[in-house]
Every structure is written in C-alpha cells, then in structure tokens.
Protein backbone atom coordinates (compact mmCIF):
# COMPACT_ATOMS: atom_id res chain seq x y z
CA MET A 1 24.83 -20.64 -17.99
CA ILE A 2 22.61 -18.96 -15.42
CA SER A 3 22.16 -22.53 -14.65
CA THR A 4 25.63 -24.10 -14.52
CA ILE A 5 26.74 -20.91 -11.89
CA LEU A 6 23.97 -21.95 -9.45
CA LEU A 7 25.01 -25.47 -9.47
CA GLN A 8 28.71 -23.88 -9.76
CA ALA A 9 27.96 -21.73 -6.15
CA GLY A 10 25.79 -24.16 -4.45
CA GLY A 11 26.16 -27.38 -5.43
CA GLY A 12 22.04 -27.60 -6.22
CA MET A 13 20.66 -25.45 -3.43
CA GLY A 14 21.09 -22.59 -4.54
CA VAL A 15 17.99 -23.38 -6.64
CA GLN A 16 16.04 -24.19 -4.44
CA GLN A 17 16.25 -21.43 -2.11
CA LEU A 18 15.51 -19.48 -4.83
CA ILE A 19 12.24 -21.54 -4.80
CA MET A 20 11.68 -21.13 -1.34
CA PHE A 21 11.62 -18.10 -0.93
CA GLY A 22 9.32 -17.58 -3.99
CA LEU A 23 7.15 -19.66 -3.11
CA ILE A 24 6.87 -17.81 0.16
CA ALA A 25 6.54 -14.24 -1.61
CA VAL A 26 3.52 -15.77 -2.88
CA VAL A 27 2.34 -16.79 0.32
CA PHE A 28 2.32 -13.62 2.67
CA TYR A 29 1.15 -11.50 -0.37
CA PHE A 30 -2.64 -13.71 -1.19
CA PHE A 31 -2.38 -13.73 2.83
CA MET A 32 -1.16 -10.08 3.76
CA ILE A 33 -1.45 -7.62 1.51
CA ARG A 34 -4.14 -8.50 -0.91
CA PRO A 35 -7.15 -8.54 1.36
CA GLN A 36 -5.25 -5.59 3.20
CA VAL A 37 -5.55 -3.85 -0.60
CA LYS A 38 -8.70 -5.35 -1.36
CA LYS A 39 -10.24 -3.85 2.51
CA GLN A 40 -8.69 -0.31 1.83
CA LYS A 41 -11.02 -0.69 -2.05
CA ASP A 42 -13.85 -1.46 -0.11
CA GLN A 43 -13.34 1.44 2.32
CA LYS A 44 -13.02 4.10 -0.45
CA LYS A 45 -16.18 2.94 -2.17
CA TYR A 46 -18.38 2.77 0.56
CA THR A 47 -16.97 6.15 1.78
CA GLU A 48 -17.47 7.55 -2.13
CA GLU A 49 -20.96 6.12 -2.09
CA LEU A 50 -22.55 7.87 1.13
CA LYS A 51 -25.21 10.38 0.66
CA LYS A 52 -27.36 12.73 2.53
CA GLY A 53 -29.82 11.27 5.30
CA ASP A 54 -27.35 7.78 5.06
CA ARG A 55 -26.39 7.12 9.47
CA VAL A 56 -22.11 6.46 10.58
CA ILE A 57 -20.21 6.11 12.48
CA THR A 58 -16.91 7.61 12.38
CA THR A 59 -13.31 6.27 13.25
CA ALA A 60 -13.72 8.30 16.72
CA GLY A 61 -16.24 6.80 17.63
CA ILE A 62 -19.32 9.13 17.19
CA HIS A 63 -22.53 8.04 15.67
CA GLY A 64 -24.70 10.54 13.63
CA ARG A 65 -26.57 11.63 10.46
CA ILE A 66 -25.32 12.73 7.44
CA TYR A 67 -26.32 16.25 7.31
CA GLU A 68 -24.62 17.85 4.05
CA VAL A 69 -21.38 15.66 1.84
CA ALA A 70 -19.02 18.40 0.60
CA GLU A 71 -15.64 16.66 -1.77
CA THR A 72 -13.38 15.91 0.97
CA THR A 73 -15.57 16.38 4.13
CA PHE A 74 -19.02 15.52 5.89
CA VAL A 75 -20.56 16.92 8.03
CA VAL A 76 -22.18 15.10 10.91
CA GLU A 77 -25.60 15.62 12.29
CA VAL A 78 -25.30 14.31 15.79
CA GLU A 79 -27.87 14.66 19.33
CA ASN A 80 -29.88 17.41 19.65
CA GLY A 81 -29.30 19.34 15.97
CA ALA A 82 -25.23 19.31 17.05
CA ARG A 83 -23.32 19.56 13.03
CA ILE A 84 -20.02 18.37 13.34
CA ARG A 85 -17.30 18.38 10.44
CA PHE A 86 -16.01 15.45 9.25
CA ASP A 87 -13.56 14.92 6.64
CA LYS A 88 -13.98 11.27 4.10
CA SER A 89 -11.53 9.06 5.82
CA ALA A 90 -13.32 9.55 8.89
CA ILE A 91 -16.09 8.07 8.22
CA SER A 92 -15.71 4.19 9.79
CA LEU A 93 -18.62 2.21 8.73
CA ASP A 94 -22.96 2.42 8.14
CA ALA A 95 -24.45 2.35 12.02
CA SER A 96 -27.40 0.70 10.70
CA LYS A 97 -24.91 -2.35 9.61
CA ALA A 98 -23.27 -2.06 12.91
CA LEU A 99 -26.98 -1.87 14.52
CA ASN A 100 -28.29 -4.93 12.84
CA THR A 101 -24.97 -7.17 13.85
CA PRO A 102 -25.16 -9.81 16.72
CA ALA A 103 -22.81 -8.84 19.93
CA THR A 104 -20.86 -11.71 21.51
CA VAL A 105 -21.12 -11.03 25.35
CA LYS A 106 -18.36 -14.05 27.01
C-alpha cells in the first residue's frame, strides 16, 4: 500500500529521493557526528584518569603540574609555586604529549 502511494505521488521519484536522503544522513553521521562523540569520550576519560603530579595544559594555555584533585576541580601548580584552581573541563591535554609532538615549521 505504501509503495503504491509513493509510486502515485512521484512516479517512482519519491523512493529514490528517500534513499538519497537516507544515504546523506548515514554519511553525515559517520563523518561528522561519530568522530565528535568519540573525541568527547576520550577527553572525558582523560580528565577522569588525571592524578596528582601529572603535567597538563589548560584550554587557556597555562602549563603546570596537578597539585590537588577534587571532585569537579583541579589545583594546578605553575611557576614559583603559584597554585590556581581550574574546573576539570578546563584541562586540555597532557603536557608531556604536547612537548613530544614535533612542531611543523614552515
């Protein structure tokens, strides 16, 4: 019955358009949504595994060493013993990984 209605509505063109929109949605999911969700999971796992003494870089670009870990925050120790409290979401990446990555100079 549905196929009869679709055939009458567009002479078969409606089915092709539905298939095309479905394929576009699948491609959009695999190239846009899925990688972003994976990146968010990896970032969450990284912040949950941080411990005292780990070197980090914040999203503001501040380099330091984790001095204290609380439930939702970190205290990061920077130069000369100064300590700054950051929310866990402000921790961007592991400083040792960032320092070991070769910079591309052009």
